[in-house]
Amino acid sequence: MIQTKFQNCIEACGKCAVACSQCAVACLNEKDLEHLKTCIQLNLECTMICDVAVKVMSIDGQLSEELCEICADICERCAEECEKHAAMGMEHCRECAEACRICTRICREMSAA
């Protein structure tokens, strides 16, 4: 596999996308979906943006840094929302928020580099 200067960011975005997808599915299996709508929406958006970021960074795309900044923004929003539900005992939201926070940090470092 070709190593790019974005390797850490690619790995963080990949892990975040998986965590967000799993969180969205877990949220859909909760009893009270009404209070989880925003969480599910952000999980899906974060998954998609992280997936695109991985693909663009893996080819050392010209807009990789800008995409990292967008990725950091959605990850931060997703983490904030998931943390609300994690505080109510939803383990899947806690795990998702953790992956999003890591991805936010690494993406911000990459976009600032």
N, C-alpha and C. Protein backbone atom coordinates (compact mmCIF):
# COMPACT_ATOMS: atom_id res chain seq x y z
N MET A 1 0.84 -1.18 0.00
CA MET A 1 0.00 0.00 0.00
C MET A 1 0.88 1.24 0.00
N ILE A 2 0.50 2.20 -0.78
CA ILE A 2 1.22 3.46 -0.86
C ILE A 2 0.90 4.29 0.39
N GLN A 3 1.92 4.77 1.07
CA GLN A 3 1.72 5.65 2.22
C GLN A 3 1.67 7.09 1.73
N THR A 4 0.69 7.81 2.16
CA THR A 4 0.59 9.22 1.80
C THR A 4 0.83 10.07 3.04
N LYS A 5 1.01 11.36 2.82
CA LYS A 5 1.19 12.27 3.96
C LYS A 5 -0.09 12.37 4.79
N PHE A 6 -1.18 11.85 4.25
CA PHE A 6 -2.48 11.89 4.92
C PHE A 6 -2.80 10.60 5.67
N GLN A 7 -1.85 9.69 5.79
CA GLN A 7 -2.14 8.34 6.29
C GLN A 7 -2.87 8.34 7.64
N ASN A 8 -2.40 9.13 8.60
CA ASN A 8 -3.08 9.17 9.91
C ASN A 8 -4.51 9.66 9.79
N CYS A 9 -4.70 10.63 8.95
CA CYS A 9 -6.03 11.20 8.75
C CYS A 9 -6.94 10.19 8.03
N ILE A 10 -6.40 9.50 7.06
CA ILE A 10 -7.17 8.47 6.36
C ILE A 10 -7.66 7.42 7.34
N GLU A 11 -6.76 6.97 8.21
CA GLU A 11 -7.12 5.95 9.19
C GLU A 11 -8.17 6.46 10.18
N ALA A 12 -8.01 7.68 10.65
CA ALA A 12 -8.98 8.25 11.60
C ALA A 12 -10.34 8.43 10.95
N CYS A 13 -10.36 8.91 9.71
CA CYS A 13 -11.62 9.09 9.00
C CYS A 13 -12.31 7.75 8.73
N GLY A 14 -11.52 6.74 8.40
CA GLY A 14 -12.09 5.41 8.18
C GLY A 14 -12.73 4.85 9.44
N LYS A 15 -12.04 4.98 10.56
CA LYS A 15 -12.58 4.50 11.84
C LYS A 15 -13.82 5.29 12.24
N CYS A 16 -13.79 6.58 11.99
CA CYS A 16 -14.92 7.44 12.32
C CYS A 16 -16.15 7.07 11.48
N ALA A 17 -15.94 6.83 10.20
CA ALA A 17 -17.05 6.45 9.31
C ALA A 17 -17.71 5.17 9.80
N VAL A 18 -16.91 4.21 10.20
CA VAL A 18 -17.46 2.95 10.71
C VAL A 18 -18.24 3.18 12.00
N ALA A 19 -17.65 3.94 12.92
CA ALA A 19 -18.31 4.22 14.20
C ALA A 19 -19.64 4.95 13.99
N CYS A 20 -19.65 5.90 13.06
CA CYS A 20 -20.88 6.65 12.79
C CYS A 20 -21.96 5.77 12.15
N SER A 21 -21.55 4.91 11.24
CA SER A 21 -22.52 3.98 10.63
C SER A 21 -23.11 3.06 11.68
N GLN A 22 -22.26 2.52 12.53
CA GLN A 22 -22.74 1.63 13.58
C GLN A 22 -23.64 2.36 14.57
N CYS A 23 -23.31 3.59 14.87
CA CYS A 23 -24.11 4.38 15.80
C CYS A 23 -25.49 4.66 15.20
N ALA A 24 -25.53 5.00 13.92
CA ALA A 24 -26.82 5.28 13.27
C ALA A 24 -27.72 4.05 13.33
N VAL A 25 -27.17 2.89 13.04
CA VAL A 25 -27.96 1.65 13.09
C VAL A 25 -28.41 1.36 14.51
N ALA A 26 -27.52 1.54 15.47
CA ALA A 26 -27.89 1.30 16.87
C ALA A 26 -28.98 2.28 17.32
N CYS A 27 -28.87 3.52 16.89
CA CYS A 27 -29.90 4.51 17.23
C CYS A 27 -31.26 4.11 16.65
N LEU A 28 -31.24 3.58 15.44
CA LEU A 28 -32.49 3.15 14.80
C LEU A 28 -33.15 2.00 15.56
N ASN A 29 -32.38 1.29 16.36
CA ASN A 29 -32.92 0.19 17.15
C ASN A 29 -33.35 0.61 18.55
N GLU A 30 -33.18 1.87 18.88
CA GLU A 30 -33.63 2.38 20.18
C GLU A 30 -35.15 2.56 20.17
N LYS A 31 -35.73 2.59 21.36
CA LYS A 31 -37.19 2.68 21.47
C LYS A 31 -37.74 4.05 21.09
N ASP A 32 -37.10 5.11 21.55
CA ASP A 32 -37.60 6.46 21.30
C ASP A 32 -36.77 7.13 20.22
N LEU A 33 -37.18 6.96 18.98
CA LEU A 33 -36.42 7.51 17.85
C LEU A 33 -36.54 9.03 17.73
N GLU A 34 -37.60 9.59 18.24
CA GLU A 34 -37.85 11.02 18.05
C GLU A 34 -36.67 11.87 18.53
N HIS A 35 -36.14 11.58 19.70
CA HIS A 35 -35.03 12.38 20.22
C HIS A 35 -33.69 12.03 19.59
N LEU A 36 -33.67 11.04 18.70
CA LEU A 36 -32.42 10.62 18.06
C LEU A 36 -32.32 11.05 16.59
N LYS A 37 -33.30 11.75 16.10
CA LYS A 37 -33.30 12.14 14.68
C LYS A 37 -32.05 12.92 14.29
N THR A 38 -31.70 13.91 15.07
CA THR A 38 -30.52 14.73 14.76
C THR A 38 -29.25 13.89 14.83
N CYS A 39 -29.19 13.01 15.80
CA CYS A 39 -28.02 12.14 15.96
C CYS A 39 -27.87 11.24 14.72
N ILE A 40 -28.95 10.63 14.30
CA ILE A 40 -28.90 9.74 13.14
C ILE A 40 -28.51 10.53 11.89
N GLN A 41 -29.09 11.70 11.71
CA GLN A 41 -28.77 12.53 10.54
C GLN A 41 -27.29 12.89 10.52
N LEU A 42 -26.77 13.33 11.66
CA LEU A 42 -25.35 13.69 11.73
C LEU A 42 -24.45 12.48 11.54
N ASN A 43 -24.86 11.33 12.08
CA ASN A 43 -24.09 10.09 11.87
C ASN A 43 -23.98 9.79 10.38
N LEU A 44 -25.08 9.90 9.66
CA LEU A 44 -25.07 9.59 8.23
C LEU A 44 -24.23 10.59 7.45
N GLU A 45 -24.37 11.87 7.77
CA GLU A 45 -23.57 12.90 7.10
C GLU A 45 -22.08 12.69 7.38
N CYS A 46 -21.76 12.42 8.62
CA CYS A 46 -20.36 12.24 9.01
C CYS A 46 -19.77 11.02 8.29
N THR A 47 -20.54 9.95 8.22
CA THR A 47 -20.08 8.76 7.50
C THR A 47 -19.74 9.09 6.05
N MET A 48 -20.64 9.79 5.39
CA MET A 48 -20.44 10.11 3.98
C MET A 48 -19.23 11.03 3.77
N ILE A 49 -19.12 12.06 4.59
CA ILE A 49 -18.00 12.99 4.43
C ILE A 49 -16.68 12.32 4.76
N CYS A 50 -16.65 11.50 5.79
CA CYS A 50 -15.41 10.77 6.11
C CYS A 50 -15.03 9.83 4.98
N ASP A 51 -16.02 9.14 4.41
CA ASP A 51 -15.74 8.23 3.30
C ASP A 51 -15.14 8.97 2.10
N VAL A 52 -15.71 10.12 1.78
CA VAL A 52 -15.19 10.91 0.66
C VAL A 52 -13.79 11.42 0.98
N ALA A 53 -13.59 11.87 2.20
CA ALA A 53 -12.26 12.36 2.60
C ALA A 53 -11.22 11.26 2.45
N VAL A 54 -11.55 10.04 2.86
CA VAL A 54 -10.62 8.92 2.73
C VAL A 54 -10.24 8.72 1.27
N LYS A 55 -11.23 8.73 0.41
CA LYS A 55 -10.98 8.49 -1.02
C LYS A 55 -10.11 9.59 -1.63
N VAL A 56 -10.41 10.83 -1.31
CA VAL A 56 -9.65 11.95 -1.88
C VAL A 56 -8.22 11.97 -1.33
N MET A 57 -8.09 11.78 -0.02
CA MET A 57 -6.75 11.78 0.57
C MET A 57 -5.90 10.60 0.09
N SER A 58 -6.54 9.48 -0.20
CA SER A 58 -5.79 8.30 -0.62
C SER A 58 -5.12 8.48 -1.98
N ILE A 59 -5.59 9.46 -2.74
CA ILE A 59 -4.94 9.77 -4.03
C ILE A 59 -4.16 11.08 -3.95
N ASP A 60 -3.92 11.55 -2.72
CA ASP A 60 -3.24 12.83 -2.51
C ASP A 60 -3.94 13.94 -3.30
N GLY A 61 -5.25 13.96 -3.21
CA GLY A 61 -6.06 14.93 -3.94
C GLY A 61 -5.71 16.37 -3.62
N GLN A 62 -5.91 17.23 -4.59
CA GLN A 62 -5.54 18.64 -4.46
C GLN A 62 -6.34 19.38 -3.39
N LEU A 63 -7.53 18.93 -3.10
CA LEU A 63 -8.36 19.60 -2.09
C LEU A 63 -8.41 18.82 -0.77
N SER A 64 -7.43 17.99 -0.55
CA SER A 64 -7.42 17.16 0.66
C SER A 64 -7.46 18.00 1.95
N GLU A 65 -6.66 19.05 2.02
CA GLU A 65 -6.63 19.87 3.24
C GLU A 65 -7.98 20.53 3.49
N GLU A 66 -8.59 21.06 2.43
CA GLU A 66 -9.90 21.70 2.58
C GLU A 66 -10.95 20.68 3.00
N LEU A 67 -10.87 19.50 2.43
CA LEU A 67 -11.80 18.45 2.78
C LEU A 67 -11.61 18.00 4.23
N CYS A 68 -10.37 18.00 4.69
CA CYS A 68 -10.10 17.67 6.09
C CYS A 68 -10.77 18.67 7.03
N GLU A 69 -10.79 19.92 6.65
CA GLU A 69 -11.44 20.93 7.48
C GLU A 69 -12.95 20.71 7.54
N ILE A 70 -13.55 20.40 6.41
CA ILE A 70 -14.99 20.09 6.37
C ILE A 70 -15.27 18.84 7.20
N CYS A 71 -14.42 17.86 7.06
CA CYS A 71 -14.56 16.62 7.81
C CYS A 71 -14.49 16.91 9.32
N ALA A 72 -13.55 17.73 9.72
CA ALA A 72 -13.41 18.09 11.13
C ALA A 72 -14.67 18.77 11.64
N ASP A 73 -15.26 19.63 10.83
CA ASP A 73 -16.49 20.34 11.24
C ASP A 73 -17.65 19.38 11.48
N ILE A 74 -17.88 18.45 10.55
CA ILE A 74 -19.01 17.52 10.73
C ILE A 74 -18.72 16.55 11.87
N CYS A 75 -17.48 16.14 12.01
CA CYS A 75 -17.12 15.24 13.12
C CYS A 75 -17.36 15.91 14.46
N GLU A 76 -17.03 17.18 14.55
CA GLU A 76 -17.24 17.91 15.80
C GLU A 76 -18.73 18.02 16.13
N ARG A 77 -19.53 18.33 15.14
CA ARG A 77 -20.99 18.41 15.35
C ARG A 77 -21.56 17.06 15.77
N CYS A 78 -21.09 16.02 15.10
CA CYS A 78 -21.57 14.67 15.42
C CYS A 78 -21.16 14.29 16.84
N ALA A 79 -19.93 14.58 17.22
CA ALA A 79 -19.46 14.27 18.57
C ALA A 79 -20.30 15.00 19.62
N GLU A 80 -20.58 16.26 19.38
CA GLU A 80 -21.38 17.03 20.34
C GLU A 80 -22.76 16.42 20.53
N GLU A 81 -23.39 16.02 19.43
CA GLU A 81 -24.72 15.41 19.51
C GLU A 81 -24.65 14.05 20.20
N CYS A 82 -23.70 13.24 19.82
CA CYS A 82 -23.58 11.91 20.42
C CYS A 82 -23.27 11.99 21.91
N GLU A 83 -22.50 12.98 22.32
CA GLU A 83 -22.18 13.12 23.73
C GLU A 83 -23.42 13.37 24.57
N LYS A 84 -24.42 14.04 24.01
CA LYS A 84 -25.69 14.25 24.73
C LYS A 84 -26.34 12.91 25.05
N HIS A 85 -26.32 12.00 24.10
CA HIS A 85 -26.97 10.70 24.29
C HIS A 85 -26.09 9.75 25.09
N ALA A 86 -24.79 9.92 24.97
CA ALA A 86 -23.86 9.10 25.76
C ALA A 86 -24.06 9.39 27.25
N ALA A 87 -24.37 10.64 27.57
CA ALA A 87 -24.61 11.02 28.95
C ALA A 87 -25.85 10.32 29.52
N MET A 88 -26.71 9.84 28.62
CA MET A 88 -27.92 9.11 29.05
C MET A 88 -27.70 7.60 28.99
N GLY A 89 -26.43 7.19 28.83
CA GLY A 89 -26.11 5.78 28.90
C GLY A 89 -26.03 5.03 27.58
N MET A 90 -26.11 5.73 26.47
CA MET A 90 -26.03 5.06 25.18
C MET A 90 -24.56 4.84 24.81
N GLU A 91 -24.12 3.61 24.98
CA GLU A 91 -22.72 3.26 24.76
C GLU A 91 -22.30 3.49 23.31
N HIS A 92 -23.17 3.18 22.37
CA HIS A 92 -22.82 3.36 20.96
C HIS A 92 -22.57 4.83 20.64
N CYS A 93 -23.30 5.72 21.29
CA CYS A 93 -23.07 7.15 21.09
C CYS A 93 -21.75 7.59 21.73
N ARG A 94 -21.39 6.98 22.85
CA ARG A 94 -20.12 7.31 23.50
C ARG A 94 -18.96 6.90 22.59
N GLU A 95 -19.05 5.69 22.05
CA GLU A 95 -17.99 5.21 21.15
C GLU A 95 -17.89 6.07 19.89
N CYS A 96 -19.03 6.46 19.36
CA CYS A 96 -19.05 7.30 18.17
C CYS A 96 -18.45 8.67 18.47
N ALA A 97 -18.85 9.27 19.58
CA ALA A 97 -18.32 10.58 19.96
C ALA A 97 -16.80 10.53 20.11
N GLU A 98 -16.31 9.44 20.69
CA GLU A 98 -14.86 9.28 20.87
C GLU A 98 -14.15 9.22 19.51
N ALA A 99 -14.67 8.43 18.59
CA ALA A 99 -14.07 8.34 17.26
C ALA A 99 -14.14 9.67 16.53
N CYS A 100 -15.25 10.37 16.69
CA CYS A 100 -15.41 11.69 16.06
C CYS A 100 -14.44 12.71 16.63
N ARG A 101 -14.22 12.69 17.93
CA ARG A 101 -13.27 13.63 18.56
C ARG A 101 -11.85 13.38 18.06
N ILE A 102 -11.47 12.13 17.95
CA ILE A 102 -10.14 11.79 17.44
C ILE A 102 -10.01 12.27 16.00
N CYS A 103 -11.02 11.99 15.20
CA CYS A 103 -11.00 12.38 13.80
C CYS A 103 -10.96 13.91 13.67
N THR A 104 -11.72 14.60 14.48
CA THR A 104 -11.72 16.06 14.47
C THR A 104 -10.31 16.59 14.71
N ARG A 105 -9.66 16.07 15.74
CA ARG A 105 -8.32 16.53 16.11
C ARG A 105 -7.32 16.27 14.98
N ILE A 106 -7.32 15.06 14.45
CA ILE A 106 -6.36 14.71 13.40
C ILE A 106 -6.63 15.48 12.12
N CYS A 107 -7.90 15.65 11.77
CA CYS A 107 -8.24 16.42 10.56
C CYS A 107 -7.84 17.89 10.70
N ARG A 108 -8.04 18.45 11.88
CA ARG A 108 -7.66 19.86 12.10
C ARG A 108 -6.14 20.01 12.01
N GLU A 109 -5.41 19.06 12.55
CA GLU A 109 -3.95 19.09 12.46
C GLU A 109 -3.53 19.01 11.00
N MET A 110 -4.17 18.15 10.23
CA MET A 110 -3.83 17.97 8.83
C MET A 110 -4.16 19.22 8.01
N SER A 111 -5.32 19.79 8.27
CA SER A 111 -5.72 20.96 7.47
C SER A 111 -4.89 22.19 7.81
N ALA A 112 -4.31 22.21 9.01
CA ALA A 112 -3.47 23.34 9.42
C ALA A 112 -2.03 23.19 8.96
N ALA A 113 -1.67 21.97 8.55
CA ALA A 113 -0.27 21.70 8.17
C ALA A 113 0.10 22.36 6.87
